[in-house]
Amino acid sequence: MTYYKIGDKVAAKKFGPLEHDFSGEVEKVYDNSVMIAITEYDPADQSGINELNGRAVVRKGEAKILKEVPRTKEDLEAAAKEEEEAAAKVAKSGKNTRRRTKTTKESASSEKNEKSSK
């Protein structure tokens, strides 16, 4: 996963009210997404940009860094830690210990079978 920092210039794909790809600057970094202040966009998307108040929250996997702000030693350490946590999360998800619950359709059919057997 890419490490994002406030101030990075990023490009993102179209979504929602936008018909074209756009780019902007990272304003806030969340666990799995980033908030982008939209600066460059197609003029046809002006009403969509207004609707979004000039900002968009995009998944980290959907945003591409165009220009990074300088990284400090602490930033590089945080990036390494973030990647370790992501790898641990993926490894843990491979060990699915949760029980499968019945879907609504399965529950309804099992109740129907119980009633018919009585």
N, C-alpha and C. Protein backbone atom coordinates (compact mmCIF):
# COMPACT_ATOMS: atom_id res chain seq x y z
N MET A 1 0.85 -1.17 0.00
CA MET A 1 0.00 0.00 0.00
C MET A 1 0.90 1.24 0.00
N THR A 2 0.49 2.21 -0.70
CA THR A 2 1.25 3.45 -0.81
C THR A 2 1.03 4.31 0.43
N TYR A 3 2.09 4.96 0.87
CA TYR A 3 2.02 5.85 2.02
C TYR A 3 1.70 7.26 1.53
N TYR A 4 0.60 7.82 1.99
CA TYR A 4 0.18 9.16 1.60
C TYR A 4 0.47 10.15 2.72
N LYS A 5 0.78 11.37 2.35
CA LYS A 5 1.04 12.43 3.31
C LYS A 5 0.29 13.68 2.85
N ILE A 6 -0.13 14.48 3.82
CA ILE A 6 -0.85 15.72 3.48
C ILE A 6 0.04 16.57 2.59
N GLY A 7 -0.52 17.04 1.49
CA GLY A 7 0.22 17.86 0.54
C GLY A 7 0.61 17.13 -0.73
N ASP A 8 0.53 15.78 -0.74
CA ASP A 8 0.83 15.03 -1.95
C ASP A 8 -0.15 15.40 -3.06
N LYS A 9 0.36 15.50 -4.27
CA LYS A 9 -0.50 15.71 -5.45
C LYS A 9 -0.89 14.32 -5.96
N VAL A 10 -2.18 14.09 -6.13
CA VAL A 10 -2.68 12.79 -6.54
C VAL A 10 -3.68 12.90 -7.69
N ALA A 11 -3.81 11.81 -8.42
CA ALA A 11 -4.82 11.69 -9.48
C ALA A 11 -5.80 10.61 -9.05
N ALA A 12 -7.07 10.77 -9.40
CA ALA A 12 -8.09 9.79 -9.03
C ALA A 12 -9.05 9.57 -10.19
N LYS A 13 -9.70 8.42 -10.16
CA LYS A 13 -10.64 8.08 -11.22
C LYS A 13 -12.00 8.72 -10.94
N LYS A 14 -12.77 8.85 -11.99
CA LYS A 14 -14.12 9.43 -11.89
C LYS A 14 -15.00 8.56 -11.00
N PHE A 15 -15.97 9.19 -10.35
CA PHE A 15 -16.95 8.48 -9.53
C PHE A 15 -18.12 9.42 -9.28
N GLY A 16 -19.21 8.88 -8.80
CA GLY A 16 -20.38 9.67 -8.42
C GLY A 16 -20.79 10.66 -9.49
N PRO A 17 -20.89 11.95 -9.14
CA PRO A 17 -21.37 12.95 -10.09
C PRO A 17 -20.32 13.37 -11.12
N LEU A 18 -19.10 12.86 -11.02
CA LEU A 18 -18.03 13.25 -11.94
C LEU A 18 -17.96 12.29 -13.13
N GLU A 19 -17.81 12.85 -14.32
CA GLU A 19 -17.75 12.05 -15.53
C GLU A 19 -16.33 11.87 -16.04
N HIS A 20 -15.36 12.57 -15.45
CA HIS A 20 -13.97 12.50 -15.89
C HIS A 20 -13.05 12.34 -14.69
N ASP A 21 -11.84 11.85 -14.95
CA ASP A 21 -10.84 11.73 -13.89
C ASP A 21 -10.44 13.13 -13.43
N PHE A 22 -9.87 13.21 -12.23
CA PHE A 22 -9.50 14.50 -11.66
C PHE A 22 -8.22 14.36 -10.86
N SER A 23 -7.68 15.47 -10.43
CA SER A 23 -6.50 15.44 -9.58
C SER A 23 -6.60 16.54 -8.54
N GLY A 24 -5.77 16.44 -7.52
CA GLY A 24 -5.80 17.43 -6.47
C GLY A 24 -4.74 17.15 -5.42
N GLU A 25 -4.94 17.74 -4.26
CA GLU A 25 -3.96 17.66 -3.17
C GLU A 25 -4.58 16.95 -1.98
N VAL A 26 -3.81 16.06 -1.34
CA VAL A 26 -4.29 15.34 -0.17
C VAL A 26 -4.46 16.31 0.98
N GLU A 27 -5.67 16.35 1.55
CA GLU A 27 -5.96 17.20 2.71
C GLU A 27 -5.97 16.42 4.00
N LYS A 28 -6.40 15.16 3.94
CA LYS A 28 -6.50 14.35 5.15
C LYS A 28 -6.27 12.88 4.77
N VAL A 29 -5.60 12.15 5.64
CA VAL A 29 -5.33 10.74 5.40
C VAL A 29 -6.09 9.92 6.44
N TYR A 30 -6.91 8.99 5.96
CA TYR A 30 -7.65 8.08 6.82
C TYR A 30 -6.99 6.70 6.76
N ASP A 31 -7.55 5.70 7.44
CA ASP A 31 -6.96 4.36 7.44
C ASP A 31 -6.90 3.76 6.03
N ASN A 32 -8.00 3.83 5.30
CA ASN A 32 -8.08 3.19 3.99
C ASN A 32 -8.36 4.15 2.84
N SER A 33 -8.42 5.44 3.13
CA SER A 33 -8.75 6.41 2.10
C SER A 33 -8.08 7.74 2.37
N VAL A 34 -8.20 8.64 1.39
CA VAL A 34 -7.64 9.99 1.52
C VAL A 34 -8.69 11.00 1.06
N MET A 35 -8.67 12.19 1.70
CA MET A 35 -9.54 13.27 1.26
C MET A 35 -8.71 14.15 0.34
N ILE A 36 -9.25 14.41 -0.84
CA ILE A 36 -8.54 15.19 -1.85
C ILE A 36 -9.27 16.50 -2.08
N ALA A 37 -8.51 17.60 -2.05
CA ALA A 37 -9.04 18.91 -2.46
C ALA A 37 -8.87 18.94 -3.97
N ILE A 38 -9.96 18.92 -4.70
CA ILE A 38 -9.91 18.82 -6.16
C ILE A 38 -9.44 20.15 -6.75
N THR A 39 -8.34 20.10 -7.52
CA THR A 39 -7.79 21.32 -8.12
C THR A 39 -7.85 21.30 -9.65
N GLU A 40 -7.70 20.13 -10.24
CA GLU A 40 -7.73 20.02 -11.70
C GLU A 40 -8.81 19.04 -12.11
N TYR A 41 -9.71 19.51 -12.99
CA TYR A 41 -10.83 18.68 -13.42
C TYR A 41 -11.32 19.18 -14.77
N ASP A 42 -12.13 18.38 -15.41
CA ASP A 42 -12.72 18.75 -16.69
C ASP A 42 -13.81 19.78 -16.44
N PRO A 43 -13.86 20.85 -17.25
CA PRO A 43 -14.90 21.88 -17.05
C PRO A 43 -16.33 21.34 -17.08
N ALA A 44 -16.54 20.21 -17.75
CA ALA A 44 -17.88 19.62 -17.80
C ALA A 44 -18.32 19.10 -16.43
N ASP A 45 -17.38 18.89 -15.53
CA ASP A 45 -17.69 18.38 -14.20
C ASP A 45 -17.89 19.49 -13.17
N GLN A 46 -17.99 20.73 -13.58
CA GLN A 46 -18.09 21.84 -12.64
C GLN A 46 -19.25 21.66 -11.66
N SER A 47 -20.42 21.25 -12.14
CA SER A 47 -21.56 21.09 -11.23
C SER A 47 -21.31 19.96 -10.24
N GLY A 48 -20.65 18.89 -10.67
CA GLY A 48 -20.31 17.79 -9.76
C GLY A 48 -19.31 18.22 -8.71
N ILE A 49 -18.34 19.04 -9.10
CA ILE A 49 -17.34 19.55 -8.17
C ILE A 49 -18.04 20.44 -7.13
N ASN A 50 -18.97 21.26 -7.57
CA ASN A 50 -19.72 22.11 -6.65
C ASN A 50 -20.53 21.25 -5.67
N GLU A 51 -21.12 20.18 -6.18
CA GLU A 51 -21.92 19.29 -5.34
C GLU A 51 -21.06 18.63 -4.26
N LEU A 52 -19.80 18.33 -4.61
CA LEU A 52 -18.87 17.70 -3.66
C LEU A 52 -18.11 18.72 -2.81
N ASN A 53 -18.44 19.99 -2.98
CA ASN A 53 -17.76 21.08 -2.26
C ASN A 53 -16.25 21.08 -2.51
N GLY A 54 -15.84 20.69 -3.71
CA GLY A 54 -14.44 20.75 -4.09
C GLY A 54 -13.57 19.71 -3.42
N ARG A 55 -14.17 18.69 -2.80
CA ARG A 55 -13.41 17.66 -2.12
C ARG A 55 -13.98 16.29 -2.46
N ALA A 56 -13.12 15.28 -2.35
CA ALA A 56 -13.56 13.91 -2.57
C ALA A 56 -12.79 12.99 -1.66
N VAL A 57 -13.45 11.98 -1.13
CA VAL A 57 -12.79 10.94 -0.34
C VAL A 57 -12.66 9.73 -1.26
N VAL A 58 -11.40 9.29 -1.44
CA VAL A 58 -11.08 8.24 -2.40
C VAL A 58 -10.30 7.14 -1.69
N ARG A 59 -10.55 5.88 -2.05
CA ARG A 59 -9.77 4.77 -1.49
C ARG A 59 -8.31 4.94 -1.87
N LYS A 60 -7.42 4.54 -0.98
CA LYS A 60 -5.99 4.67 -1.25
C LYS A 60 -5.59 3.90 -2.50
N GLY A 61 -6.22 2.77 -2.74
CA GLY A 61 -5.90 1.97 -3.92
C GLY A 61 -6.32 2.62 -5.23
N GLU A 62 -7.26 3.56 -5.15
CA GLU A 62 -7.77 4.23 -6.34
C GLU A 62 -7.04 5.53 -6.65
N ALA A 63 -6.24 6.02 -5.71
CA ALA A 63 -5.51 7.28 -5.91
C ALA A 63 -4.07 6.96 -6.33
N LYS A 64 -3.54 7.77 -7.22
CA LYS A 64 -2.17 7.58 -7.71
C LYS A 64 -1.37 8.86 -7.40
N ILE A 65 -0.24 8.70 -6.74
CA ILE A 65 0.57 9.87 -6.38
C ILE A 65 1.27 10.40 -7.64
N LEU A 66 1.08 11.69 -7.90
CA LEU A 66 1.75 12.35 -9.01
C LEU A 66 3.03 13.03 -8.54
N LYS A 67 2.97 13.66 -7.37
CA LYS A 67 4.12 14.36 -6.82
C LYS A 67 4.05 14.28 -5.30
N GLU A 68 5.12 13.76 -4.69
CA GLU A 68 5.18 13.62 -3.24
C GLU A 68 5.77 14.85 -2.60
N VAL A 69 5.32 15.16 -1.39
CA VAL A 69 6.01 16.15 -0.59
C VAL A 69 7.20 15.43 0.04
N PRO A 70 8.26 16.14 0.43
CA PRO A 70 9.43 15.48 1.01
C PRO A 70 9.06 14.65 2.24
N ARG A 71 9.65 13.46 2.34
CA ARG A 71 9.40 12.56 3.45
C ARG A 71 10.53 12.67 4.47
N THR A 72 10.16 12.65 5.74
CA THR A 72 11.15 12.66 6.81
C THR A 72 11.43 11.23 7.25
N LYS A 73 12.39 11.05 8.12
CA LYS A 73 12.72 9.73 8.64
C LYS A 73 11.51 9.13 9.35
N GLU A 74 10.78 9.95 10.10
CA GLU A 74 9.59 9.49 10.81
C GLU A 74 8.51 9.03 9.83
N ASP A 75 8.39 9.73 8.71
CA ASP A 75 7.41 9.33 7.69
C ASP A 75 7.75 7.96 7.12
N LEU A 76 9.03 7.73 6.84
CA LEU A 76 9.45 6.45 6.30
C LEU A 76 9.22 5.32 7.30
N GLU A 77 9.45 5.60 8.59
CA GLU A 77 9.19 4.61 9.63
C GLU A 77 7.70 4.32 9.72
N ALA A 78 6.88 5.35 9.63
CA ALA A 78 5.43 5.17 9.68
C ALA A 78 4.94 4.38 8.48
N ALA A 79 5.53 4.61 7.32
CA ALA A 79 5.16 3.87 6.12
C ALA A 79 5.51 2.39 6.28
N ALA A 80 6.68 2.09 6.84
CA ALA A 80 7.08 0.71 7.05
C ALA A 80 6.14 0.02 8.04
N LYS A 81 5.78 0.73 9.10
CA LYS A 81 4.86 0.19 10.10
C LYS A 81 3.49 -0.08 9.48
N GLU A 82 3.02 0.84 8.65
CA GLU A 82 1.72 0.69 7.99
C GLU A 82 1.72 -0.53 7.09
N GLU A 83 2.81 -0.76 6.37
CA GLU A 83 2.89 -1.92 5.49
C GLU A 83 2.94 -3.22 6.28
N GLU A 84 3.63 -3.22 7.43
CA GLU A 84 3.68 -4.40 8.29
C GLU A 84 2.29 -4.73 8.81
N GLU A 85 1.56 -3.71 9.24
CA GLU A 85 0.21 -3.92 9.75
C GLU A 85 -0.71 -4.45 8.65
N ALA A 86 -0.56 -3.92 7.44
CA ALA A 86 -1.39 -4.39 6.32
C ALA A 86 -1.08 -5.86 6.01
N ALA A 87 0.20 -6.22 6.04
CA ALA A 87 0.59 -7.61 5.77
C ALA A 87 0.05 -8.54 6.86
N ALA A 88 0.11 -8.09 8.11
CA ALA A 88 -0.41 -8.90 9.22
C ALA A 88 -1.92 -9.07 9.08
N LYS A 89 -2.59 -8.03 8.66
CA LYS A 89 -4.04 -8.08 8.48
C LYS A 89 -4.42 -9.08 7.39
N VAL A 90 -3.66 -9.08 6.29
CA VAL A 90 -3.92 -10.01 5.20
C VAL A 90 -3.67 -11.44 5.66
N ALA A 91 -2.57 -11.65 6.40
CA ALA A 91 -2.26 -12.99 6.90
C ALA A 91 -3.35 -13.48 7.86
N LYS A 92 -3.84 -12.58 8.70
CA LYS A 92 -4.88 -12.95 9.65
C LYS A 92 -6.20 -13.27 8.95
N SER A 93 -6.50 -12.54 7.89
CA SER A 93 -7.77 -12.76 7.19
C SER A 93 -7.80 -14.12 6.50
N GLY A 94 -6.64 -14.70 6.24
CA GLY A 94 -6.58 -16.04 5.66
C GLY A 94 -7.05 -17.10 6.63
N LYS A 95 -7.05 -16.80 7.91
CA LYS A 95 -7.49 -17.72 8.96
C LYS A 95 -8.88 -17.32 9.42
N ASN A 96 -9.84 -17.58 8.60
CA ASN A 96 -11.21 -17.19 8.89
C ASN A 96 -11.81 -18.16 9.90
N THR A 97 -12.06 -17.69 11.12
CA THR A 97 -12.60 -18.54 12.17
C THR A 97 -14.08 -18.27 12.44
N ARG A 98 -14.65 -17.33 11.72
CA ARG A 98 -16.05 -17.02 11.94
C ARG A 98 -16.93 -18.10 11.35
N ARG A 99 -18.04 -18.36 12.02
CA ARG A 99 -19.00 -19.32 11.50
C ARG A 99 -19.86 -18.67 10.43
N ARG A 100 -20.27 -19.45 9.49
CA ARG A 100 -21.15 -18.95 8.44
C ARG A 100 -22.55 -18.87 8.99
N THR A 101 -23.18 -17.72 8.81
CA THR A 101 -24.57 -17.56 9.27
C THR A 101 -25.51 -17.80 8.11
N LYS A 102 -26.69 -18.21 8.44
CA LYS A 102 -27.69 -18.46 7.41
C LYS A 102 -28.16 -17.16 6.80
N THR A 103 -28.39 -17.19 5.50
CA THR A 103 -28.97 -16.03 4.83
C THR A 103 -30.46 -16.01 5.11
N THR A 104 -31.10 -14.94 4.79
CA THR A 104 -32.54 -14.81 5.02
C THR A 104 -33.30 -15.89 4.25
N LYS A 105 -32.86 -16.16 3.03
CA LYS A 105 -33.52 -17.15 2.21
C LYS A 105 -33.38 -18.55 2.82
N GLU A 106 -32.17 -18.87 3.31
CA GLU A 106 -31.94 -20.16 3.93
C GLU A 106 -32.75 -20.31 5.21
N SER A 107 -32.84 -19.23 5.99
CA SER A 107 -33.62 -19.25 7.24
C SER A 107 -35.09 -19.51 6.95
N ALA A 108 -35.60 -18.86 5.94
CA ALA A 108 -37.01 -19.01 5.59
C ALA A 108 -37.30 -20.44 5.12
N SER A 109 -36.40 -21.02 4.32
CA SER A 109 -36.64 -22.37 3.81
C SER A 109 -36.51 -23.39 4.94
N SER A 110 -35.59 -23.19 5.90
CA SER A 110 -35.45 -24.13 7.01
C SER A 110 -36.67 -24.06 7.93
N GLU A 111 -37.22 -22.84 8.14
CA GLU A 111 -38.43 -22.70 8.95
C GLU A 111 -39.60 -23.38 8.27
N LYS A 112 -39.67 -23.26 6.95
CA LYS A 112 -40.74 -23.89 6.18
C LYS A 112 -40.66 -25.40 6.30
N ASN A 113 -39.44 -25.94 6.21
CA ASN A 113 -39.25 -27.39 6.34
C ASN A 113 -39.61 -27.88 7.73
N GLU A 114 -39.28 -27.10 8.77
CA GLU A 114 -39.62 -27.48 10.14
C GLU A 114 -41.12 -27.51 10.33
N LYS A 115 -41.85 -26.54 9.78
CA LYS A 115 -43.30 -26.49 9.92
C LYS A 115 -43.97 -27.63 9.18
N SER A 116 -43.43 -27.96 8.00
CA SER A 116 -44.06 -29.04 7.21
C SER A 116 -43.80 -30.41 7.82
N SER A 117 -42.74 -30.56 8.58
CA SER A 117 -42.45 -31.86 9.19
C SER A 117 -43.27 -32.11 10.44
N LYS A 118 -43.90 -31.07 10.98
CA LYS A 118 -44.71 -31.23 12.21
C LYS A 118 -46.08 -31.69 11.93
